[in-house]
Each structure stands twice: as structure tokens, then as C-alpha cells.
Amino acid sequence: MTEEQNPYLPAIAESESLVEQIRARSTWAAVLGALGLLVLGIVAPFAVYLGHQSLSRMRRTETGLEHRGAALTGTILGWLGSAILVISVTLELLAAFMS
């Protein structure tokens, strides 16, 4: 008897690593989104990028959907933090220009 390899094994291993990547990026998006909104505004655009990238991969591959909440949280907080960053930089520049 010859031992045949399971043709689905590489796909299963690959999908597990994809889910792990989606989980990690979604979690980082949420963490950076919270930091960008509360403390360090410069990281907010990175939260938007990671959140959108995670959501795009979820839609494309239909895997990792259990991490959609973290990705959405990171994206929303990232956009809010980015808006606050742009407004604060604009106000600082106007204040410097007016004085």
C-alpha cells in the first residue's frame, strides 16, 4: 500500500495561518485605534490601514469572520483619531501662522 498525502492538508494549514494573520491584524487595528483616539494620534492612520486590510481579507477569503468586530472597532476608532489628528494639526498651524 502506498501512503497518499491528503490534498487538503496544505489548504487547511494555509487557512489557519490566514486566520491567525487576520486575528493579529484585527487586534492590532483595535489597539492602535484606541491609542490613536486617546493618547497618540499619529498611530490612528495605521489602525485604519490594518482594519481595512483585515476586513478586505475577510470578505475575499470568507475566513476569520469572528475577528470582524475588532477590525471594525480599529477602523472606526482609527478614522476618528485621524480626523482629530488632522483638525489639531490644522488648528496648530493656523495658530502659528496667525501669531
PDB file of N, CA and C in Angstrom:
ATOM      1  N   MET A   1       0.832  -1.183   0.000  1.00  0.00           N
ATOM      2  CA  MET A   1       0.000   0.000   0.000  1.00  0.00           C
ATOM      3  C   MET A   1       0.877   1.248   0.000  1.00  0.00           C
ATOM      4  N   THR A   2       0.532   2.168  -0.838  1.00  0.00           N
ATOM      5  CA  THR A   2       1.257   3.430  -0.853  1.00  0.00           C
ATOM      6  C   THR A   2       0.500   4.428   0.000  1.00  0.00           C
ATOM      7  N   GLU A   3       1.249   5.263   0.641  1.00  0.00           N
ATOM      8  CA  GLU A   3       0.644   6.257   1.512  1.00  0.00           C
ATOM      9  C   GLU A   3       0.441   7.540   0.707  1.00  0.00           C
ATOM     10  N   GLU A   4      -0.809   7.883   0.465  1.00  0.00           N
ATOM     11  CA  GLU A   4      -1.112   9.084  -0.287  1.00  0.00           C
ATOM     12  C   GLU A   4      -1.230  10.261   0.665  1.00  0.00           C
ATOM     13  N   GLN A   5      -0.765  11.416   0.215  1.00  0.00           N
ATOM     14  CA  GLN A   5      -0.901  12.616   1.025  1.00  0.00           C
ATOM     15  C   GLN A   5      -2.298  13.193   0.846  1.00  0.00           C
ATOM     16  N   ASN A   6      -2.782  13.758   1.887  1.00  0.00           N
ATOM     17  CA  ASN A   6      -4.080  14.404   1.849  1.00  0.00           C
ATOM     18  C   ASN A   6      -3.960  15.688   1.022  1.00  0.00           C
ATOM     19  N   PRO A   7      -4.715  15.808  -0.082  1.00  0.00           N
ATOM     20  CA  PRO A   7      -4.583  17.004  -0.914  1.00  0.00           C
ATOM     21  C   PRO A   7      -5.119  18.262  -0.228  1.00  0.00           C
ATOM     22  N   TYR A   8      -5.903  18.101   0.836  1.00  0.00           N
ATOM     23  CA  TYR A   8      -6.477  19.255   1.515  1.00  0.00           C
ATOM     24  C   TYR A   8      -5.603  19.762   2.653  1.00  0.00           C
ATOM     25  N   LEU A   9      -4.593  19.025   3.027  1.00  0.00           N
ATOM     26  CA  LEU A   9      -3.753  19.400   4.152  1.00  0.00           C
ATOM     27  C   LEU A   9      -3.063  20.745   3.953  1.00  0.00           C
ATOM     28  N   PRO A  10      -2.432  21.026   2.800  1.00  0.00           N
ATOM     29  CA  PRO A  10      -1.818  22.350   2.649  1.00  0.00           C
ATOM     30  C   PRO A  10      -2.833  23.481   2.728  1.00  0.00           C
ATOM     31  N   ALA A  11      -4.004  23.279   2.186  1.00  0.00           N
ATOM     32  CA  ALA A  11      -5.027  24.325   2.231  1.00  0.00           C
ATOM     33  C   ALA A  11      -5.491  24.565   3.661  1.00  0.00           C
ATOM     34  N   ILE A  12      -5.603  23.512   4.441  1.00  0.00           N
ATOM     35  CA  ILE A  12      -6.012  23.678   5.829  1.00  0.00           C
ATOM     36  C   ILE A  12      -4.946  24.433   6.601  1.00  0.00           C
ATOM     37  N   ALA A  13      -3.700  24.052   6.438  1.00  0.00           N
ATOM     38  CA  ALA A  13      -2.606  24.736   7.133  1.00  0.00           C
ATOM     39  C   ALA A  13      -2.508  26.192   6.690  1.00  0.00           C
ATOM     40  N   GLU A  14      -2.713  26.440   5.397  1.00  0.00           N
ATOM     41  CA  GLU A  14      -2.659  27.801   4.889  1.00  0.00           C
ATOM     42  C   GLU A  14      -3.800  28.637   5.441  1.00  0.00           C
ATOM     43  N   SER A  15      -5.002  28.068   5.532  1.00  0.00           N
ATOM     44  CA  SER A  15      -6.134  28.827   6.043  1.00  0.00           C
ATOM     45  C   SER A  15      -5.971  29.126   7.524  1.00  0.00           C
ATOM     46  N   GLU A  16      -5.324  28.243   8.266  1.00  0.00           N
ATOM     47  CA  GLU A  16      -5.082  28.522   9.679  1.00  0.00           C
ATOM     48  C   GLU A  16      -4.129  29.694   9.839  1.00  0.00           C
ATOM     49  N   SER A  17      -3.110  29.752   9.011  1.00  0.00           N
ATOM     50  CA  SER A  17      -2.193  30.878   9.121  1.00  0.00           C
ATOM     51  C   SER A  17      -2.875  32.167   8.665  1.00  0.00           C
ATOM     52  N   LEU A  18      -3.775  32.088   7.703  1.00  0.00           N
ATOM     53  CA  LEU A  18      -4.512  33.257   7.262  1.00  0.00           C
ATOM     54  C   LEU A  18      -5.426  33.762   8.369  1.00  0.00           C
ATOM     55  N   VAL A  19      -6.096  32.854   9.056  1.00  0.00           N
ATOM     56  CA  VAL A  19      -6.955  33.248  10.172  1.00  0.00           C
ATOM     57  C   VAL A  19      -6.111  33.883  11.269  1.00  0.00           C
ATOM     58  N   GLU A  20      -4.952  33.326  11.509  1.00  0.00           N
ATOM     59  CA  GLU A  20      -4.055  33.887  12.523  1.00  0.00           C
ATOM     60  C   GLU A  20      -3.585  35.288  12.119  1.00  0.00           C
ATOM     61  N   GLN A  21      -3.303  35.483  10.837  1.00  0.00           N
ATOM     62  CA  GLN A  21      -2.913  36.808  10.355  1.00  0.00           C
ATOM     63  C   GLN A  21      -4.057  37.799  10.502  1.00  0.00           C
ATOM     64  N   ILE A  22      -5.255  37.365  10.166  1.00  0.00           N
ATOM     65  CA  ILE A  22      -6.422  38.236  10.287  1.00  0.00           C
ATOM     66  C   ILE A  22      -6.655  38.594  11.745  1.00  0.00           C
ATOM     67  N   ARG A  23      -6.522  37.604  12.640  1.00  0.00           N
ATOM     68  CA  ARG A  23      -6.698  37.860  14.064  1.00  0.00           C
ATOM     69  C   ARG A  23      -5.680  38.877  14.566  1.00  0.00           C
ATOM     70  N   ALA A  24      -4.426  38.690  14.197  1.00  0.00           N
ATOM     71  CA  ALA A  24      -3.374  39.591  14.662  1.00  0.00           C
ATOM     72  C   ALA A  24      -3.581  41.013  14.133  1.00  0.00           C
ATOM     73  N   ARG A  25      -3.893  41.133  12.853  1.00  0.00           N
ATOM     74  CA  ARG A  25      -4.086  42.465  12.266  1.00  0.00           C
ATOM     75  C   ARG A  25      -5.335  43.148  12.824  1.00  0.00           C
ATOM     76  N   SER A  26      -6.389  42.386  13.056  1.00  0.00           N
ATOM     77  CA  SER A  26      -7.605  42.964  13.634  1.00  0.00           C
ATOM     78  C   SER A  26      -7.363  43.444  15.052  1.00  0.00           C
ATOM     79  N   THR A  27      -6.631  42.648  15.815  1.00  0.00           N
ATOM     80  CA  THR A  27      -6.320  43.039  17.189  1.00  0.00           C
ATOM     81  C   THR A  27      -5.440  44.284  17.213  1.00  0.00           C
ATOM     82  N   TRP A  28      -4.420  44.314  16.362  1.00  0.00           N
ATOM     83  CA  TRP A  28      -3.565  45.494  16.291  1.00  0.00           C
ATOM     84  C   TRP A  28      -4.344  46.722  15.837  1.00  0.00           C
ATOM     85  N   ALA A  29      -5.280  46.531  14.925  1.00  0.00           N
ATOM     86  CA  ALA A  29      -6.097  47.660  14.477  1.00  0.00           C
ATOM     87  C   ALA A  29      -6.891  48.235  15.643  1.00  0.00           C
ATOM     88  N   ALA A  30      -7.489  47.363  16.455  1.00  0.00           N
ATOM     89  CA  ALA A  30      -8.262  47.836  17.602  1.00  0.00           C
ATOM     90  C   ALA A  30      -7.376  48.537  18.629  1.00  0.00           C
ATOM     91  N   VAL A  31      -6.205  47.970  18.904  1.00  0.00           N
ATOM     92  CA  VAL A  31      -5.288  48.571  19.878  1.00  0.00           C
ATOM     93  C   VAL A  31      -4.788  49.928  19.377  1.00  0.00           C
ATOM     94  N   LEU A  32      -4.348  49.979  18.131  1.00  0.00           N
ATOM     95  CA  LEU A  32      -3.857  51.241  17.588  1.00  0.00           C
ATOM     96  C   LEU A  32      -4.969  52.275  17.448  1.00  0.00           C
ATOM     97  N   GLY A  33      -6.181  51.814  17.144  1.00  0.00           N
ATOM     98  CA  GLY A  33      -7.312  52.739  17.067  1.00  0.00           C
ATOM     99  C   GLY A  33      -7.598  53.384  18.409  1.00  0.00           C
ATOM    100  N   ALA A  34      -7.568  52.580  19.473  1.00  0.00           N
ATOM    101  CA  ALA A  34      -7.795  53.122  20.818  1.00  0.00           C
ATOM    102  C   ALA A  34      -6.663  54.073  21.211  1.00  0.00           C
ATOM    103  N   LEU A  35      -5.431  53.680  20.944  1.00  0.00           N
ATOM    104  CA  LEU A  35      -4.294  54.556  21.250  1.00  0.00           C
ATOM    105  C   LEU A  35      -4.357  55.843  20.433  1.00  0.00           C
ATOM    106  N   GLY A  36      -4.725  55.722  19.171  1.00  0.00           N
ATOM    107  CA  GLY A  36      -4.813  56.892  18.301  1.00  0.00           C
ATOM    108  C   GLY A  36      -5.887  57.858  18.733  1.00  0.00           C
ATOM    109  N   LEU A  37      -6.942  57.347  19.287  1.00  0.00           N
ATOM    110  CA  LEU A  37      -8.036  58.211  19.735  1.00  0.00           C
ATOM    111  C   LEU A  37      -7.737  58.826  21.094  1.00  0.00           C
ATOM    112  N   LEU A  38      -7.136  58.062  21.986  1.00  0.00           N
ATOM    113  CA  LEU A  38      -6.963  58.516  23.357  1.00  0.00           C
ATOM    114  C   LEU A  38      -5.627  59.199  23.636  1.00  0.00           C
ATOM    115  N   VAL A  39      -4.546  58.679  23.070  1.00  0.00           N
ATOM    116  CA  VAL A  39      -3.234  59.133  23.518  1.00  0.00           C
ATOM    117  C   VAL A  39      -2.349  59.626  22.376  1.00  0.00           C
ATOM    118  N   LEU A  40      -2.106  58.775  21.413  1.00  0.00           N
ATOM    119  CA  LEU A  40      -1.077  59.017  20.409  1.00  0.00           C
ATOM    120  C   LEU A  40      -1.720  59.063  19.026  1.00  0.00           C
ATOM    121  N   GLY A  41      -2.133  60.233  18.596  1.00  0.00           N
ATOM    122  CA  GLY A  41      -2.895  60.383  17.368  1.00  0.00           C
ATOM    123  C   GLY A  41      -2.186  59.934  16.110  1.00  0.00           C
ATOM    124  N   ILE A  42      -0.875  59.929  16.113  1.00  0.00           N
ATOM    125  CA  ILE A  42      -0.122  59.602  14.900  1.00  0.00           C
ATOM    126  C   ILE A  42      -0.295  58.142  14.495  1.00  0.00           C
ATOM    127  N   VAL A  43      -0.724  57.256  15.402  1.00  0.00           N
ATOM    128  CA  VAL A  43      -0.895  55.843  15.056  1.00  0.00           C
ATOM    129  C   VAL A  43      -2.289  55.542  14.502  1.00  0.00           C
ATOM    130  N   ALA A  44      -3.188  56.510  14.547  1.00  0.00           N
ATOM    131  CA  ALA A  44      -4.560  56.298  14.080  1.00  0.00           C
ATOM    132  C   ALA A  44      -4.639  55.884  12.604  1.00  0.00           C
ATOM    133  N   PRO A  45      -3.877  56.494  11.693  1.00  0.00           N
ATOM    134  CA  PRO A  45      -3.939  56.049  10.293  1.00  0.00           C
ATOM    135  C   PRO A  45      -3.496  54.593  10.099  1.00  0.00           C
ATOM    136  N   PHE A  46      -2.570  54.130  10.941  1.00  0.00           N
ATOM    137  CA  PHE A  46      -2.157  52.729  10.854  1.00  0.00           C
ATOM    138  C   PHE A  46      -3.291  51.792  11.255  1.00  0.00           C
ATOM    139  N   ALA A  47      -4.105  52.228  12.219  1.00  0.00           N
ATOM    140  CA  ALA A  47      -5.270  51.444  12.624  1.00  0.00           C
ATOM    141  C   ALA A  47      -6.266  51.333  11.477  1.00  0.00           C
ATOM    142  N   VAL A  48      -6.459  52.435  10.760  1.00  0.00           N
ATOM    143  CA  VAL A  48      -7.356  52.427   9.599  1.00  0.00           C
ATOM    144  C   VAL A  48      -6.841  51.448   8.551  1.00  0.00           C
ATOM    145  N   TYR A  49      -5.551  51.506   8.275  1.00  0.00           N
ATOM    146  CA  TYR A  49      -4.958  50.626   7.271  1.00  0.00           C
ATOM    147  C   TYR A  49      -5.118  49.153   7.657  1.00  0.00           C
ATOM    148  N   LEU A  50      -4.742  48.817   8.882  1.00  0.00           N
ATOM    149  CA  LEU A  50      -4.828  47.425   9.322  1.00  0.00           C
ATOM    150  C   LEU A  50      -6.278  46.936   9.380  1.00  0.00           C
ATOM    151  N   GLY A  51      -7.185  47.795   9.843  1.00  0.00           N
ATOM    152  CA  GLY A  51      -8.585  47.417   9.908  1.00  0.00           C
ATOM    153  C   GLY A  51      -9.181  47.152   8.541  1.00  0.00           C
ATOM    154  N   HIS A  52      -8.909  48.044   7.594  1.00  0.00           N
ATOM    155  CA  HIS A  52      -9.420  47.850   6.233  1.00  0.00           C
ATOM    156  C   HIS A  52      -8.800  46.621   5.573  1.00  0.00           C
ATOM    157  N   GLN A  53      -7.521  46.406   5.821  1.00  0.00           N
ATOM    158  CA  GLN A  53      -6.850  45.247   5.249  1.00  0.00           C
ATOM    159  C   GLN A  53      -7.461  43.947   5.798  1.00  0.00           C
ATOM    160  N   SER A  54      -7.732  43.913   7.087  1.00  0.00           N
ATOM    161  CA  SER A  54      -8.347  42.726   7.690  1.00  0.00           C
ATOM    162  C   SER A  54      -9.748  42.489   7.145  1.00  0.00           C
ATOM    163  N   LEU A  55     -10.536  43.550   7.069  1.00  0.00           N
ATOM    164  CA  LEU A  55     -11.899  43.406   6.548  1.00  0.00           C
ATOM    165  C   LEU A  55     -11.895  42.956   5.093  1.00  0.00           C
ATOM    166  N   SER A  56     -10.960  43.482   4.317  1.00  0.00           N
ATOM    167  CA  SER A  56     -10.856  43.076   2.918  1.00  0.00           C
ATOM    168  C   SER A  56     -10.510  41.594   2.795  1.00  0.00           C
ATOM    169  N   ARG A  57      -9.570  41.136   3.599  1.00  0.00           N
ATOM    170  CA  ARG A  57      -9.207  39.715   3.564  1.00  0.00           C
ATOM    171  C   ARG A  57     -10.366  38.834   4.015  1.00  0.00           C
ATOM    172  N   MET A  58     -11.113  39.304   4.995  1.00  0.00           N
ATOM    173  CA  MET A  58     -12.272  38.519   5.457  1.00  0.00           C
ATOM    174  C   MET A  58     -13.300  38.383   4.346  1.00  0.00           C
ATOM    175  N   ARG A  59     -13.571  39.479   3.660  1.00  0.00           N
ATOM    176  CA  ARG A  59     -14.548  39.434   2.563  1.00  0.00           C
ATOM    177  C   ARG A  59     -14.059  38.552   1.428  1.00  0.00           C
ATOM    178  N   ARG A  60     -12.784  38.683   1.084  1.00  0.00           N
ATOM    179  CA  ARG A  60     -12.229  37.954  -0.052  1.00  0.00           C
ATOM    180  C   ARG A  60     -12.146  36.454   0.213  1.00  0.00           C
ATOM    181  N   THR A  61     -11.733  36.067   1.418  1.00  0.00           N
ATOM    182  CA  THR A  61     -11.496  34.656   1.707  1.00  0.00           C
ATOM    183  C   THR A  61     -12.611  34.000   2.511  1.00  0.00           C
ATOM    184  N   GLU A  62     -13.509  34.818   3.062  1.00  0.00           N
ATOM    185  CA  GLU A  62     -14.593  34.325   3.920  1.00  0.00           C
ATOM    186  C   GLU A  62     -14.063  33.502   5.090  1.00  0.00           C
ATOM    187  N   THR A  63     -12.913  33.906   5.633  1.00  0.00           N
ATOM    188  CA  THR A  63     -12.361  33.279   6.828  1.00  0.00           C
ATOM    189  C   THR A  63     -12.056  34.360   7.849  1.00  0.00           C
ATOM    190  N   GLY A  64     -11.953  33.952   9.102  1.00  0.00           N
ATOM    191  CA  GLY A  64     -11.619  34.886  10.163  1.00  0.00           C
ATOM    192  C   GLY A  64     -12.728  35.853  10.512  1.00  0.00           C
ATOM    193  N   LEU A  65     -13.958  35.514  10.151  1.00  0.00           N
ATOM    194  CA  LEU A  65     -15.073  36.430  10.368  1.00  0.00           C
ATOM    195  C   LEU A  65     -15.351  36.694  11.847  1.00  0.00           C
ATOM    196  N   GLU A  66     -14.847  35.821  12.721  1.00  0.00           N
ATOM    197  CA  GLU A  66     -15.055  36.038  14.152  1.00  0.00           C
ATOM    198  C   GLU A  66     -14.240  37.225  14.669  1.00  0.00           C
ATOM    199  N   HIS A  67     -13.322  37.721  13.868  1.00  0.00           N
ATOM    200  CA  HIS A  67     -12.493  38.873  14.265  1.00  0.00           C
ATOM    201  C   HIS A  67     -12.971  40.169  13.600  1.00  0.00           C
ATOM    202  N   ARG A  68     -14.137  40.119  13.009  1.00  0.00           N
ATOM    203  CA  ARG A  68     -14.673  41.288  12.301  1.00  0.00           C
ATOM    204  C   ARG A  68     -14.926  42.462  13.246  1.00  0.00           C
ATOM    205  N   GLY A  69     -15.373  42.171  14.464  1.00  0.00           N
ATOM    206  CA  GLY A  69     -15.644  43.229  15.434  1.00  0.00           C
ATOM    207  C   GLY A  69     -14.400  44.017  15.787  1.00  0.00           C
ATOM    208  N   ALA A  70     -13.295  43.329  15.995  1.00  0.00           N
ATOM    209  CA  ALA A  70     -12.036  44.012  16.314  1.00  0.00           C
ATOM    210  C   ALA A  70     -11.564  44.852  15.131  1.00  0.00           C
ATOM    211  N   ALA A  71     -11.711  44.313  13.929  1.00  0.00           N
ATOM    212  CA  ALA A  71     -11.298  45.059  12.738  1.00  0.00           C
ATOM    213  C   ALA A  71     -12.159  46.307  12.550  1.00  0.00           C
ATOM    214  N   LEU A  72     -13.463  46.171  12.742  1.00  0.00           N
ATOM    215  CA  LEU A  72     -14.354  47.331  12.627  1.00  0.00           C
ATOM    216  C   LEU A  72     -14.062  48.365  13.708  1.00  0.00           C
ATOM    217  N   THR A  73     -13.821  47.891  14.922  1.00  0.00           N
ATOM    218  CA  THR A  73     -13.501  48.809  16.022  1.00  0.00           C
ATOM    219  C   THR A  73     -12.236  49.592  15.702  1.00  0.00           C
ATOM    220  N   GLY A  74     -11.216  48.889  15.240  1.00  0.00           N
ATOM    221  CA  GLY A  74      -9.968  49.563  14.887  1.00  0.00           C
ATOM    222  C   GLY A  74     -10.147  50.552  13.755  1.00  0.00           C
ATOM    223  N   THR A  75     -10.931  50.176  12.766  1.00  0.00           N
ATOM    224  CA  THR A  75     -11.160  51.065  11.625  1.00  0.00           C
ATOM    225  C   THR A  75     -11.913  52.323  12.051  1.00  0.00           C
ATOM    226  N   ILE A  76     -12.970  52.152  12.815  1.00  0.00           N
ATOM    227  CA  ILE A  76     -13.781  53.305  13.246  1.00  0.00           C
ATOM    228  C   ILE A  76     -12.990  54.216  14.173  1.00  0.00           C
ATOM    229  N   LEU A  77     -12.325  53.638  15.174  1.00  0.00           N
ATOM    230  CA  LEU A  77     -11.521  54.454  16.079  1.00  0.00           C
ATOM    231  C   LEU A  77     -10.352  55.103  15.340  1.00  0.00           C
ATOM    232  N   GLY A  78      -9.810  54.386  14.378  1.00  0.00           N
ATOM    233  CA  GLY A  78      -8.722  54.948  13.581  1.00  0.00           C
ATOM    234  C   GLY A  78      -9.164  56.151  12.761  1.00  0.00           C
ATOM    235  N   TRP A  79     -10.344  56.056  12.157  1.00  0.00           N
ATOM    236  CA  TRP A  79     -10.853  57.204  11.397  1.00  0.00           C
ATOM    237  C   TRP A  79     -11.140  58.390  12.314  1.00  0.00           C
ATOM    238  N   LEU A  80     -11.720  58.123  13.490  1.00  0.00           N
ATOM    239  CA  LEU A  80     -11.970  59.209  14.438  1.00  0.00           C
ATOM    240  C   LEU A  80     -10.657  59.836  14.903  1.00  0.00           C
ATOM    241  N   GLY A  81      -9.686  59.013  15.245  1.00  0.00           N
ATOM    242  CA  GLY A  81      -8.383  59.525  15.660  1.00  0.00           C
ATOM    243  C   GLY A  81      -7.689  60.292  14.557  1.00  0.00           C
ATOM    244  N   SER A  82      -7.829  59.817  13.321  1.00  0.00           N
ATOM    245  CA  SER A  82      -7.223  60.523  12.184  1.00  0.00           C
ATOM    246  C   SER A  82      -7.877  61.881  11.974  1.00  0.00           C
ATOM    247  N   ALA A  83      -9.189  61.944  12.124  1.00  0.00           N
ATOM    248  CA  ALA A  83      -9.897  63.221  11.987  1.00  0.00           C
ATOM    249  C   ALA A  83      -9.448  64.201  13.074  1.00  0.00           C
ATOM    250  N   ILE A  84      -9.340  63.713  14.297  1.00  0.00           N
ATOM    251  CA  ILE A  84      -8.876  64.568  15.389  1.00  0.00           C
ATOM    252  C   ILE A  84      -7.447  65.025  15.137  1.00  0.00           C
ATOM    253  N   LEU A  85      -6.602  64.140  14.626  1.00  0.00           N
ATOM    254  CA  LEU A  85      -5.216  64.490  14.305  1.00  0.00           C
ATOM    255  C   LEU A  85      -5.164  65.593  13.254  1.00  0.00           C
ATOM    256  N   VAL A  86      -5.944  65.451  12.198  1.00  0.00           N
ATOM    257  CA  VAL A  86      -5.950  66.459  11.127  1.00  0.00           C
ATOM    258  C   VAL A  86      -6.456  67.797  11.655  1.00  0.00           C
ATOM    259  N   ILE A  87      -7.521  67.761  12.446  1.00  0.00           N
ATOM    260  CA  ILE A  87      -8.082  69.005  12.999  1.00  0.00           C
ATOM    261  C   ILE A  87      -7.075  69.679  13.926  1.00  0.00           C
ATOM    262  N   SER A  88      -6.439  68.897  14.802  1.00  0.00           N
ATOM    263  CA  SER A  88      -5.494  69.504  15.747  1.00  0.00           C
ATOM    264  C   SER A  88      -4.263  70.059  15.044  1.00  0.00           C
ATOM    265  N   VAL A  89      -3.751  69.348  14.034  1.00  0.00           N
ATOM    266  CA  VAL A  89      -2.599  69.865  13.286  1.00  0.00           C
ATOM    267  C   VAL A  89      -2.987  71.128  12.533  1.00  0.00           C
ATOM    268  N   THR A  90      -4.170  71.140  11.947  1.00  0.00           N
ATOM    269  CA  THR A  90      -4.641  72.322  11.226  1.00  0.00           C
ATOM    270  C   THR A  90      -4.771  73.516  12.164  1.00  0.00           C
ATOM    271  N   LEU A  91      -5.357  73.288  13.341  1.00  0.00           N
ATOM    272  CA  LEU A  91      -5.502  74.386  14.308  1.00  0.00           C
ATOM    273  C   LEU A  91      -4.151  74.885  14.801  1.00  0.00           C
ATOM    274  N   GLU A  92      -3.210  73.973  15.027  1.00  0.00           N
ATOM    275  CA  GLU A  92      -1.863  74.382  15.442  1.00  0.00           C
ATOM    276  C   GLU A  92      -1.176  75.210  14.356  1.00  0.00           C
ATOM    277  N   LEU A  93      -1.313  74.793  13.123  1.00  0.00           N
ATOM    278  CA  LEU A  93      -0.713  75.549  12.022  1.00  0.00           C
ATOM    279  C   LEU A  93      -1.359  76.925  11.866  1.00  0.00           C
ATOM    280  N   LEU A  94      -2.668  76.978  12.019  1.00  0.00           N
ATOM    281  CA  LEU A  94      -3.353  78.279  11.948  1.00  0.00           C
ATOM    282  C   LEU A  94      -2.914  79.184  13.088  1.00  0.00           C
ATOM    283  N   ALA A  95      -2.796  78.636  14.286  1.00  0.00           N
ATOM    284  CA  ALA A  95      -2.360  79.424  15.427  1.00  0.00           C
ATOM    285  C   ALA A  95      -0.930  79.941  15.239  1.00  0.00           C
ATOM    286  N   ALA A  96      -0.061  79.106  14.680  1.00  0.00           N
ATOM    287  CA  ALA A  96       1.315  79.521  14.425  1.00  0.00           C
ATOM    288  C   ALA A  96       1.375  80.558  13.321  1.00  0.00           C
ATOM    289  N   PHE A  97       0.526  80.417  12.326  1.00  0.00           N
ATOM    290  CA  PHE A  97       0.511  81.338  11.204  1.00  0.00           C
ATOM    291  C   PHE A  97      -0.069  82.692  11.598  1.00  0.00           C
ATOM    292  N   MET A  98      -1.053  82.704  12.484  1.00  0.00           N
ATOM    293  CA  MET A  98      -1.731  83.943  12.891  1.00  0.00           C
ATOM    294  C   MET A  98      -0.897  84.749  13.881  1.00  0.00           C
ATOM    295  N   SER A  99       0.008  84.121  14.594  1.00  0.00           N
ATOM    296  CA  SER A  99       0.763  84.897  15.584  1.00  0.00           C
ATOM    297  C   SER A  99       2.056  85.426  15.071  1.00  0.00           C
TER     298      SER A  99
END
